[in-house]
């Protein structure tokens, strides 16, 4: 606005607007701090995006690399895995969002992210994700020669 013109009235108006904006910002910061404080005091709250690794750090540091393009045809896994191994995918009591999470694991897999980083991203989207489930899925993809873990 100062490039458009200068006057004492304009400066006064700009200063007033700046004070208003600063006041609004301070109120919003206070509201956020209040919300964070409330959440921090909730004892049984589990925040998504902060999964607790259950596997060794070595496995979670692996970098999966897709060896195929496009979406996953689950039929490839059906041809590769035994019936007992496939039962694991049908047991939804492990995680009812397992199908969605599996697709997201593939979406986040870029050959640069670690298993842990992928798991954190999926957890942020769909809630807490068990690292053992992610590793099982990736190991099965590796067995089908669809993914390389390094």
Protein backbone atom coordinates (compact mmCIF):
# COMPACT_ATOMS: atom_id res chain seq x y z
CA UNK A 1 0.00 0.00 0.00
CA UNK A 2 2.90 2.34 0.68
CA UNK A 3 3.99 1.97 -2.94
CA UNK A 4 0.62 3.41 -3.98
CA UNK A 5 1.02 6.54 -1.93
CA UNK A 6 2.21 8.05 1.31
CA UNK A 7 0.30 10.11 3.80
CA UNK A 8 -0.06 10.30 7.59
CA UNK A 9 -3.62 8.95 7.33
CA UNK A 10 -2.45 5.95 5.27
CA UNK A 11 0.34 5.21 7.76
CA UNK A 12 -2.13 5.40 10.64
CA UNK A 13 -4.53 3.06 8.86
CA UNK A 14 -1.75 0.60 8.03
CA UNK A 15 -0.51 0.61 11.62
CA UNK A 16 -4.04 -0.02 12.90
CA UNK A 17 -4.51 -2.96 10.51
CA UNK A 18 -1.12 -4.39 11.49
CA UNK A 19 -2.10 -4.23 15.19
CA UNK A 20 -5.41 -5.94 14.39
CA UNK A 21 -3.66 -8.71 12.46
CA UNK A 22 -1.12 -9.19 15.24
CA UNK A 23 -3.91 -9.37 17.81
CA UNK A 24 -5.77 -12.01 15.77
CA UNK A 25 -2.56 -14.00 15.34
CA UNK A 26 -1.87 -13.91 19.09
CA UNK A 27 -5.42 -15.10 19.87
CA UNK A 28 -5.10 -17.98 17.41
CA UNK A 29 -1.73 -18.97 18.87
CA UNK A 30 -3.27 -18.94 22.35
CA UNK A 31 -6.17 -21.15 21.14
CA UNK A 32 -3.73 -23.63 19.58
CA UNK A 33 -1.65 -23.73 22.76
CA UNK A 34 -4.81 -24.36 24.76
CA UNK A 35 -5.79 -27.25 22.44
CA UNK A 36 -2.31 -28.78 22.62
CA UNK A 37 -2.33 -28.46 26.39
CA UNK A 38 -5.72 -30.21 26.56
CA UNK A 39 -4.55 -33.01 24.27
CA UNK A 40 -1.32 -33.45 26.24
CA UNK A 41 -3.37 -34.00 29.43
CA UNK A 42 -5.54 -36.73 27.87
CA UNK A 43 -4.01 -39.94 29.29
CA UNK A 44 -5.23 -42.63 26.87
CA UNK A 45 -4.95 -40.65 23.65
CA UNK A 46 -2.92 -42.22 20.84
CA UNK A 47 -2.02 -39.71 18.17
CA UNK A 48 -1.79 -41.00 14.59
CA UNK A 49 1.52 -40.40 12.87
CA UNK A 50 3.50 -41.40 15.96
CA UNK A 51 3.62 -45.20 15.71
CA UNK A 52 5.76 -47.15 18.10
CA UNK A 53 8.16 -49.43 16.21
CA UNK A 54 7.77 -53.06 17.23
CA UNK A 55 10.39 -54.43 14.87
CA UNK A 56 14.14 -53.99 14.92
CA UNK A 57 15.48 -50.65 13.73
CA UNK A 58 17.36 -52.48 11.00
CA UNK A 59 14.18 -53.67 9.27
CA UNK A 60 12.46 -50.31 9.62
CA UNK A 61 15.42 -48.59 7.95
CA UNK A 62 15.06 -50.71 4.80
CA UNK A 63 14.20 -48.79 1.65
CA UNK A 64 11.55 -50.52 -0.48
CA UNK A 65 11.73 -49.97 -4.22
CA UNK A 66 8.85 -50.84 -6.54
CA UNK A 67 9.74 -53.09 -9.44
CA UNK A 68 6.42 -52.50 -11.22
CA UNK A 69 4.37 -49.55 -12.40
CA UNK A 70 0.72 -48.87 -11.80
CA UNK A 71 -1.60 -50.44 -9.27
CA UNK A 72 -1.09 -53.79 -7.61
CA UNK A 73 -2.98 -56.75 -9.00
CA UNK A 74 -3.58 -58.80 -5.86
CA UNK A 75 -3.81 -61.87 -8.13
CA UNK A 76 -0.01 -61.78 -8.40
CA UNK A 77 0.25 -62.28 -4.64
CA UNK A 78 -2.37 -65.03 -4.80
CA UNK A 79 -0.22 -66.89 -7.32
CA UNK A 80 2.94 -66.43 -5.26
CA UNK A 81 1.80 -66.99 -1.67
CA UNK A 82 0.53 -70.16 -0.07
CA UNK A 83 -3.05 -70.46 1.17
CA UNK A 84 -1.84 -70.10 4.75
CA UNK A 85 0.04 -66.91 3.86
CA UNK A 86 -3.04 -65.52 2.08
CA UNK A 87 -5.22 -66.17 5.15
CA UNK A 88 -3.32 -63.41 6.89
CA UNK A 89 -4.78 -60.86 4.45
CA UNK A 90 -8.32 -62.12 4.95
CA UNK A 91 -8.18 -61.83 8.75
CA UNK A 92 -9.51 -58.26 9.02
CA UNK A 93 -9.46 -58.27 12.82
CA UNK A 94 -5.75 -57.42 12.54
CA UNK A 95 -6.59 -54.07 10.92
CA UNK A 96 -9.86 -53.26 9.18
CA UNK A 97 -8.12 -50.65 7.00
CA UNK A 98 -5.41 -53.06 5.87
CA UNK A 99 -6.47 -52.89 2.21
CA UNK A 100 -6.40 -49.07 2.14
CA UNK A 101 -3.14 -48.97 4.05
CA UNK A 102 -1.53 -51.45 1.67
CA UNK A 103 -2.43 -49.23 -1.28
CA UNK A 104 -1.00 -46.21 0.56
CA UNK A 105 2.21 -48.09 1.34
CA UNK A 106 2.63 -48.52 -2.42
CA UNK A 107 1.79 -44.86 -3.05
CA UNK A 108 4.43 -43.64 -0.59
CA UNK A 109 7.06 -46.05 -1.89
CA UNK A 110 9.46 -44.00 -4.01
CA UNK A 111 12.76 -45.82 -3.54
CA UNK A 112 13.94 -43.12 -1.09
CA UNK A 113 11.63 -43.46 1.92
CA UNK A 114 12.37 -46.03 4.59
CA UNK A 115 9.80 -48.52 5.84
CA UNK A 116 9.47 -46.41 8.99
CA UNK A 117 8.88 -43.18 7.03
CA UNK A 118 6.25 -44.91 4.89
CA UNK A 119 4.59 -46.36 7.98
CA UNK A 120 4.46 -42.90 9.62
CA UNK A 121 2.89 -41.38 6.48
CA UNK A 122 0.27 -44.14 6.29
CA UNK A 123 -0.46 -43.72 10.01
CA UNK A 124 -1.03 -40.01 9.48
CA UNK A 125 -3.65 -40.83 6.83
CA UNK A 126 -5.41 -43.86 8.35
CA UNK A 127 -4.48 -44.02 12.03
CA UNK A 128 -2.02 -46.16 13.89
CA UNK A 129 -0.33 -48.70 11.65
CA UNK A 130 1.40 -51.78 12.98
CA UNK A 131 4.98 -51.99 11.66
CA UNK A 132 4.73 -55.79 11.59
CA UNK A 133 1.82 -55.53 9.13
CA UNK A 134 3.75 -53.19 6.85
CA UNK A 135 6.82 -55.42 6.95
CA UNK A 136 4.73 -58.55 6.26
CA UNK A 137 3.13 -56.87 3.23
CA UNK A 138 6.51 -55.71 1.92
CA UNK A 139 8.11 -59.13 2.46
CA UNK A 140 5.25 -60.73 0.51
CA UNK A 141 5.73 -58.23 -2.31
CA UNK A 142 9.43 -59.01 -2.26
CA UNK A 143 8.65 -62.73 -2.46
CA UNK A 144 6.49 -62.02 -5.54
CA UNK A 145 9.43 -60.03 -7.01
CA UNK A 146 7.35 -56.84 -7.05
CA UNK A 147 9.48 -54.96 -4.53
CA UNK A 148 13.14 -54.87 -3.65
CA UNK A 149 14.13 -54.14 -0.04
CA UNK A 150 17.60 -52.73 0.53
